[in-house]
């Protein structure tokens, strides 16, 4: 008896928590707050399917309660058997046709949006001069970071995706090692990144991210890819077309020279310690093939270290010394022998690498 009461108390507590926590989503990372046409269409499908399921549950509960109340033994007696409806043609037709109608109501928009959201022919459209009219981004997922190449613009970035608002952005999705899954919850559903075949789709951003918390949308890996799967985040900055063009122009410039003596020392250490062999410091195209690590050309524009740590000098230095402590299974080597002065210099150099400051 006591075990039963404990189970019901636990169930009641979980139900109450679910009710209150259901409103805790934030617009920069919640599927329940769509911020683009694709996300809105998918959200409407979610509402439709929920409404159909709720309708079915209500009907079943009402029929069950009516039968329970009408034919309870205290009312009809112990020996009374209710009239059986087996073989009732009208009822059998009714409970066959109604589910079919509900499935059709759900299937038609689902199939329609499945095909329209997979339509990527616009990726190949060109203007009179032969230039692509739509923005395409090649996404390459690594353990445990993201690489973004703008093939028609000659730009490569990592961890920070910058896109214009009010137009379709097409994505070519690949993985460099194991299966990952590309997902920006507020903007659209997830799609796998595979090693051997490319997936394609498009998303559209209807607001600028500047007004959001932290000024970005958040993206995640939605595939269990290893011990640091939950830490494989990236950030998306959606800006006006005018600001995007300015960002592209700045990204195509060579990195600015370090401004302080400490940053100059950090640049020298960056080269001497072989960091430049894995991390490109320029967003100019071709850097995509330069190294095995994330491009750091926009490191000074980020709001996180290693994708999820607060963007502070101390976190950056801790990450350089022992990356395995913060992202187990990643491929970055440790540098435990660097002195505090050397770490200060490296942090000053990396945090000074910026594209936005050149606009």
Protein backbone atom coordinates (compact mmCIF):
# COMPACT_ATOMS: atom_id res chain seq x y z
CA UNK A 1 0.00 0.00 0.00
CA UNK A 2 2.78 2.41 0.95
CA UNK A 3 4.71 1.60 -2.24
CA UNK A 4 1.64 2.46 -4.28
CA UNK A 5 1.24 5.81 -2.51
CA UNK A 6 4.92 6.65 -3.09
CA UNK A 7 4.58 5.89 -6.81
CA UNK A 8 1.52 8.14 -7.09
CA UNK A 9 3.30 10.93 -5.24
CA UNK A 10 6.28 10.66 -7.60
CA UNK A 11 3.96 10.65 -10.60
CA UNK A 12 2.11 13.73 -9.32
CA UNK A 13 5.37 15.57 -8.70
CA UNK A 14 6.69 14.78 -12.20
CA UNK A 15 3.39 15.84 -13.78
CA UNK A 16 3.49 19.15 -11.92
CA UNK A 17 7.12 19.75 -12.91
CA UNK A 18 6.31 18.98 -16.56
CA UNK A 19 3.47 21.52 -16.47
CA UNK A 20 5.59 24.32 -15.00
CA UNK A 21 8.81 23.61 -16.91
CA UNK A 22 6.99 23.44 -20.26
CA UNK A 23 7.16 27.25 -20.44
CA UNK A 24 10.90 27.48 -19.80
CA UNK A 25 12.03 27.46 -23.45
CA UNK A 26 13.90 30.48 -24.80
CA UNK A 27 13.34 31.88 -28.27
CA UNK A 28 16.97 31.49 -29.33
CA UNK A 29 16.89 27.71 -28.82
CA UNK A 30 13.29 26.53 -28.56
CA UNK A 31 11.31 24.61 -31.19
CA UNK A 32 8.17 26.04 -29.58
CA UNK A 33 9.19 29.58 -30.55
CA UNK A 34 9.72 29.37 -34.33
CA UNK A 35 11.74 32.18 -35.90
CA UNK A 36 11.54 31.28 -39.58
CA UNK A 37 9.10 29.93 -42.21
CA UNK A 38 10.50 26.38 -42.05
CA UNK A 39 10.24 26.28 -38.25
CA UNK A 40 6.71 27.77 -38.40
CA UNK A 41 5.52 25.12 -40.84
CA UNK A 42 6.97 22.36 -38.70
CA UNK A 43 5.48 23.92 -35.58
CA UNK A 44 2.03 24.00 -37.24
CA UNK A 45 2.37 20.28 -38.03
CA UNK A 46 3.23 19.69 -34.39
CA UNK A 47 0.10 21.56 -33.30
CA UNK A 48 -2.06 19.66 -35.81
CA UNK A 49 -0.78 16.25 -34.73
CA UNK A 50 -1.18 17.18 -31.05
CA UNK A 51 -4.76 18.33 -31.67
CA UNK A 52 -5.61 15.06 -33.45
CA UNK A 53 -4.10 12.96 -30.67
CA UNK A 54 -5.90 15.03 -28.03
CA UNK A 55 -9.20 14.58 -29.89
CA UNK A 56 -8.71 10.79 -30.02
CA UNK A 57 -7.84 10.63 -26.33
CA UNK A 58 -10.87 12.71 -25.34
CA UNK A 59 -13.25 10.57 -27.43
CA UNK A 60 -11.85 7.33 -26.01
CA UNK A 61 -12.03 8.61 -22.42
CA UNK A 62 -15.61 9.85 -22.89
CA UNK A 63 -16.75 6.51 -24.37
CA UNK A 64 -14.97 4.62 -21.61
CA UNK A 65 -16.51 6.73 -18.82
CA UNK A 66 -19.98 6.50 -20.38
CA UNK A 67 -19.73 2.71 -20.60
CA UNK A 68 -18.36 2.51 -17.08
CA UNK A 69 -21.16 4.62 -15.61
CA UNK A 70 -23.99 3.11 -17.63
CA UNK A 71 -23.12 -0.55 -17.10
CA UNK A 72 -21.61 -0.58 -13.63
CA UNK A 73 -22.65 -3.59 -11.62
CA UNK A 74 -24.29 -1.58 -8.86
CA UNK A 75 -26.72 -0.26 -11.47
CA UNK A 76 -27.46 -3.21 -13.79
CA UNK A 77 -26.81 -6.08 -11.39
CA UNK A 78 -24.22 -8.82 -11.13
CA UNK A 79 -25.65 -11.12 -13.79
CA UNK A 80 -26.47 -8.60 -16.52
CA UNK A 81 -24.37 -8.69 -19.68
CA UNK A 82 -24.54 -5.50 -21.80
CA UNK A 83 -25.71 -5.85 -25.38
CA UNK A 84 -22.77 -6.92 -27.57
CA UNK A 85 -21.97 -4.88 -30.67
CA UNK A 86 -19.80 -7.42 -32.46
CA UNK A 87 -20.81 -7.57 -36.10
CA UNK A 88 -22.53 -4.18 -36.01
CA UNK A 89 -21.82 -2.98 -39.55
CA UNK A 90 -22.48 0.71 -38.86
CA UNK A 91 -20.13 0.82 -35.88
CA UNK A 92 -17.37 -1.07 -37.67
CA UNK A 93 -17.59 1.28 -40.66
CA UNK A 94 -17.55 4.26 -38.29
CA UNK A 95 -14.43 3.27 -36.36
CA UNK A 96 -12.67 2.33 -39.59
CA UNK A 97 -13.50 5.50 -41.51
CA UNK A 98 -12.77 7.99 -38.71
CA UNK A 99 -9.11 6.91 -38.23
CA UNK A 100 -8.60 7.01 -42.01
CA UNK A 101 -9.95 10.57 -42.13
CA UNK A 102 -7.68 11.62 -39.24
CA UNK A 103 -4.65 10.05 -40.92
CA UNK A 104 -5.43 11.81 -44.20
CA UNK A 105 -5.78 15.17 -42.39
CA UNK A 106 -2.33 14.65 -40.90
CA UNK A 107 -0.69 12.98 -43.91
CA UNK A 108 -1.53 15.58 -46.58
CA UNK A 109 0.30 18.57 -45.00
CA UNK A 110 3.09 16.29 -43.72
CA UNK A 111 3.86 14.92 -47.19
CA UNK A 112 3.49 18.39 -48.74
CA UNK A 113 5.97 20.05 -46.35
CA UNK A 114 8.33 17.07 -46.51
CA UNK A 115 8.77 17.60 -50.23
CA UNK A 116 8.69 21.41 -50.30
CA UNK A 117 11.26 21.73 -47.50
CA UNK A 118 13.55 19.28 -49.30
CA UNK A 119 13.43 21.32 -52.53
CA UNK A 120 16.93 22.70 -53.11
CA UNK A 121 16.83 23.53 -56.83
CA UNK A 122 17.19 27.22 -55.90
CA UNK A 123 20.74 26.44 -54.78
CA UNK A 124 21.83 26.22 -58.43
CA UNK A 125 20.04 29.31 -59.79
CA UNK A 126 22.27 32.00 -61.28
CA UNK A 127 21.79 35.56 -62.48
CA UNK A 128 22.59 37.01 -65.92
CA UNK A 129 26.29 37.21 -65.03
CA UNK A 130 26.41 33.56 -63.94
CA UNK A 131 26.62 34.30 -60.21
CA UNK A 132 24.65 32.22 -57.71
CA UNK A 133 21.53 34.05 -56.55
CA UNK A 134 21.18 32.15 -53.25
CA UNK A 135 23.58 31.76 -50.35
CA UNK A 136 24.99 28.27 -49.91
CA UNK A 137 26.92 27.06 -46.86
CA UNK A 138 28.91 23.84 -46.74
CA UNK A 139 28.66 22.44 -43.22
CA UNK A 140 31.34 19.98 -42.11
CA UNK A 141 30.83 18.41 -38.68
CA UNK A 142 33.87 17.28 -36.66
CA UNK A 143 34.48 15.79 -33.23
CA UNK A 144 33.35 18.16 -31.55
CA UNK A 145 33.09 21.36 -33.58
CA UNK A 146 31.53 22.79 -36.73
CA UNK A 147 33.10 24.19 -39.88
CA UNK A 148 31.19 26.55 -42.20
CA UNK A 149 32.39 27.21 -45.73
CA UNK A 150 30.79 29.79 -48.01
CA UNK A 151 31.99 28.35 -51.35
CA UNK A 152 30.69 31.17 -53.54
CA UNK A 153 32.08 33.88 -51.25
CA UNK A 154 35.53 32.45 -50.53
CA UNK A 155 35.03 32.37 -46.74
CA UNK A 156 35.56 29.71 -44.07
CA UNK A 157 34.60 30.02 -40.40
CA UNK A 158 34.18 27.69 -37.45
CA UNK A 159 31.66 27.63 -34.63
CA UNK A 160 30.06 30.93 -35.72
CA UNK A 161 27.61 30.87 -38.64
CA UNK A 162 26.61 34.27 -40.04
CA UNK A 163 23.56 34.46 -42.35
CA UNK A 164 21.28 37.12 -43.84
CA UNK A 165 17.62 37.39 -42.84
CA UNK A 166 14.59 37.21 -45.12
CA UNK A 167 16.01 34.80 -47.70
CA UNK A 168 16.64 31.11 -48.10
CA UNK A 169 20.02 29.83 -46.98
CA UNK A 170 20.94 26.45 -48.48
CA UNK A 171 23.11 23.93 -46.65
CA UNK A 172 25.27 21.04 -47.85
CA UNK A 173 25.81 18.77 -44.86
CA UNK A 174 28.76 16.38 -44.42
CA UNK A 175 30.65 14.81 -41.51
CA UNK A 176 34.42 14.46 -41.26
CA UNK A 177 34.55 11.50 -38.87
CA UNK A 178 31.30 10.01 -37.49
CA UNK A 179 27.62 10.75 -37.97
CA UNK A 180 26.46 14.05 -36.49
CA UNK A 181 23.20 15.99 -36.85
CA UNK A 182 22.81 19.69 -37.69
CA UNK A 183 20.05 21.41 -35.70
CA UNK A 184 19.05 25.02 -35.05
CA UNK A 185 15.90 24.44 -32.94
CA UNK A 186 14.30 27.87 -33.41
CA UNK A 187 14.84 27.87 -37.18
CA UNK A 188 14.05 24.34 -38.36
CA UNK A 189 14.28 20.61 -37.80
CA UNK A 190 17.47 18.62 -37.63
CA UNK A 191 19.18 16.79 -40.48
CA UNK A 192 21.99 14.25 -40.25
CA UNK A 193 25.52 14.92 -41.46
CA UNK A 194 26.96 11.70 -42.86
CA UNK A 195 30.49 10.69 -43.78
CA UNK A 196 29.77 9.14 -47.18
CA UNK A 197 26.82 11.07 -48.57
CA UNK A 198 25.72 14.69 -48.58
CA UNK A 199 22.36 15.89 -47.25
CA UNK A 200 20.89 19.16 -48.50
CA UNK A 201 18.15 21.44 -47.24
CA UNK A 202 17.37 25.09 -46.64
CA UNK A 203 16.44 27.32 -43.72
CA UNK A 204 15.21 30.88 -43.50
CA UNK A 205 15.71 33.40 -40.69
CA UNK A 206 12.96 36.00 -40.27
CA UNK A 207 14.49 38.14 -37.51
CA UNK A 208 17.93 39.52 -36.69
CA UNK A 209 19.53 37.76 -33.76
CA UNK A 210 20.92 40.95 -32.22
CA UNK A 211 17.86 41.37 -30.00
CA UNK A 212 18.06 37.84 -28.59
CA UNK A 213 19.80 36.81 -25.41
CA UNK A 214 23.54 36.73 -26.19
CA UNK A 215 22.71 38.08 -29.67
CA UNK A 216 22.68 34.66 -31.34
CA UNK A 217 20.59 31.62 -32.13
CA UNK A 218 21.99 28.38 -30.75
CA UNK A 219 22.66 25.27 -32.80
CA UNK A 220 23.46 21.79 -31.58
CA UNK A 221 24.48 18.33 -32.63
CA UNK A 222 21.39 16.14 -32.34
CA UNK A 223 23.14 12.80 -32.87
CA UNK A 224 24.90 10.81 -30.14
CA UNK A 225 28.43 11.08 -31.56
CA UNK A 226 30.70 10.53 -28.57
CA UNK A 227 31.45 11.53 -24.96
CA UNK A 228 31.27 15.28 -25.71
CA UNK A 229 28.16 15.10 -27.89
CA UNK A 230 26.19 17.37 -25.54
CA UNK A 231 28.93 20.02 -25.74
CA UNK A 232 29.01 20.22 -29.56
CA UNK A 233 27.24 23.56 -29.88
CA UNK A 234 27.53 26.39 -32.39
CA UNK A 235 26.19 29.92 -32.68
CA UNK A 236 24.23 31.58 -35.49
CA UNK A 237 24.17 35.34 -36.10
CA UNK A 238 21.36 36.45 -38.40
CA UNK A 239 21.81 39.97 -39.76
CA UNK A 240 20.34 42.19 -42.47
CA UNK A 241 21.54 41.67 -46.04
CA UNK A 242 23.43 44.97 -45.87
CA UNK A 243 25.26 43.94 -42.70
CA UNK A 244 25.93 40.50 -44.13
CA UNK A 245 27.56 41.98 -47.24
CA UNK A 246 29.72 44.16 -44.98
CA UNK A 247 30.71 41.07 -42.97
CA UNK A 248 31.62 39.19 -46.16
CA UNK A 249 33.83 42.08 -47.31
CA UNK A 250 35.60 42.18 -43.94
CA UNK A 251 36.03 38.39 -43.83
CA UNK A 252 37.77 38.45 -47.22
CA UNK A 253 40.46 40.75 -45.86
CA UNK A 254 43.65 39.39 -44.36
CA UNK A 255 43.87 39.34 -40.54
CA UNK A 256 44.80 42.61 -38.90
CA UNK A 257 48.18 42.83 -37.18
CA UNK A 258 48.11 42.38 -33.39
CA UNK A 259 47.76 45.73 -31.63
CA UNK A 260 49.55 45.09 -28.33
CA UNK A 261 53.02 43.79 -27.54
CA UNK A 262 51.42 40.93 -25.58
CA UNK A 263 49.34 39.92 -28.62
CA UNK A 264 52.43 40.08 -30.86
CA UNK A 265 54.17 37.70 -28.46
CA UNK A 266 51.08 35.47 -28.58
CA UNK A 267 51.22 35.38 -32.39
CA UNK A 268 54.84 34.22 -32.25
CA UNK A 269 53.96 31.50 -29.73
CA UNK A 270 51.02 30.45 -31.90
CA UNK A 271 53.43 29.77 -34.75
CA UNK A 272 56.27 28.33 -32.65
CA UNK A 273 54.04 25.80 -30.89
CA UNK A 274 52.62 24.52 -34.18
CA UNK A 275 49.09 25.85 -33.58
CA UNK A 276 49.11 27.39 -37.05
CA UNK A 277 49.40 23.88 -38.51
CA UNK A 278 45.89 23.04 -37.27
CA UNK A 279 44.15 26.39 -36.93
CA UNK A 280 43.80 28.86 -39.80
CA UNK A 281 43.79 32.50 -38.70
CA UNK A 282 42.25 33.81 -41.93
CA UNK A 283 38.67 33.39 -43.09
CA UNK A 284 39.75 33.70 -46.73
CA UNK A 285 38.83 30.59 -48.74
CA UNK A 286 41.27 27.74 -48.93
CA UNK A 287 41.71 27.78 -45.18
CA UNK A 288 39.13 24.99 -45.11
CA UNK A 289 41.87 22.56 -46.13
CA UNK A 290 44.68 24.08 -44.09
CA UNK A 291 44.34 22.32 -40.78
CA UNK A 292 42.60 19.73 -38.69
CA UNK A 293 41.23 22.17 -36.11
CA UNK A 294 38.68 24.97 -36.11
CA UNK A 295 39.38 28.16 -38.05
CA UNK A 296 40.01 30.91 -35.46
CA UNK A 297 39.69 33.95 -37.73
CA UNK A 298 36.52 35.00 -35.88
CA UNK A 299 37.63 33.92 -32.40
CA UNK A 300 37.34 37.46 -31.06
CA UNK A 301 33.72 37.63 -32.24
CA UNK A 302 32.58 34.53 -30.39
CA UNK A 303 30.61 34.43 -27.17
CA UNK A 304 31.83 31.01 -26.03
CA UNK A 305 35.11 29.18 -25.62
CA UNK A 306 35.12 25.63 -27.03
CA UNK A 307 31.49 26.11 -28.01
CA UNK A 308 30.02 26.15 -24.51
CA UNK A 309 32.32 27.75 -21.89
CA UNK A 310 31.84 31.39 -20.93
CA UNK A 311 33.96 33.65 -23.11
CA UNK A 312 36.60 34.65 -20.59
CA UNK A 313 40.38 34.77 -20.67
CA UNK A 314 40.61 32.30 -17.78
CA UNK A 315 38.43 29.73 -19.56
CA UNK A 316 40.47 30.09 -22.73
CA UNK A 317 43.75 29.52 -20.88
CA UNK A 318 42.30 26.52 -19.03
CA UNK A 319 41.10 25.10 -22.34
CA UNK A 320 44.55 25.47 -23.95
CA UNK A 321 46.25 23.75 -21.00
CA UNK A 322 43.88 20.78 -20.74
CA UNK A 323 41.16 20.51 -23.42
CA UNK A 324 40.32 16.91 -22.48
CA UNK A 325 39.05 18.08 -19.10
CA UNK A 326 36.41 20.21 -20.79
CA UNK A 327 35.62 18.20 -23.94
CA UNK A 328 36.59 14.54 -23.47
CA UNK A 329 37.45 12.82 -26.74
CA UNK A 330 38.34 15.94 -28.73
CA UNK A 331 41.47 15.92 -30.91
CA UNK A 332 43.26 18.99 -29.55
CA UNK A 333 46.60 18.24 -27.80
CA UNK A 334 47.30 19.45 -24.28
CA UNK A 335 49.82 22.19 -23.44
CA UNK A 336 50.37 21.82 -19.69
CA UNK A 337 53.92 23.20 -19.79
CA UNK A 338 53.04 26.67 -20.99
CA UNK A 339 53.80 29.36 -18.42
CA UNK A 340 51.19 31.83 -17.19
CA UNK A 341 52.89 34.59 -19.22
CA UNK A 342 52.74 32.49 -22.41
CA UNK A 343 49.08 31.68 -21.81
CA UNK A 344 48.34 35.37 -21.28
CA UNK A 345 50.01 36.15 -24.60
CA UNK A 346 48.15 33.42 -26.51
CA UNK A 347 44.83 34.53 -25.03
CA UNK A 348 45.50 38.16 -26.00
CA UNK A 349 46.31 37.13 -29.57
CA UNK A 350 43.35 34.79 -30.06
CA UNK A 351 40.81 37.14 -28.52
CA UNK A 352 42.07 39.89 -30.83
CA UNK A 353 41.29 37.90 -34.00
CA UNK A 354 38.09 39.44 -35.34
CA UNK A 355 36.14 39.98 -38.54
CA UNK A 356 33.44 42.19 -37.05
CA UNK A 357 35.96 44.77 -35.83
CA UNK A 358 37.12 45.28 -39.45
CA UNK A 359 33.62 46.23 -40.70
